[in-house]
Amino acid sequence: MDEHQINVIIATAICECEKHQSDRKVDLEQAKQMAKAVVAALKDAGLQIDAVEKP
């Protein structure tokens, strides 16, 4: 899984969370920027996101 895929997964989750808040809609491009910031913050903290094999 590459960084782009991770960003899209996080961005999609952000959009899903916000779609029920009619006063706070986030479009996909905004969500992608948020996702990139989240991934960068995790890396700066010494953490990493990695795929695991599903059984």
Foldseek 3Di string as FASTA:
>chain_A
DDPQVQLQVQLVVVQVVCVVPVVDHDDSVNSSVVSVVVQVVCVVVVHHDDDDDDD
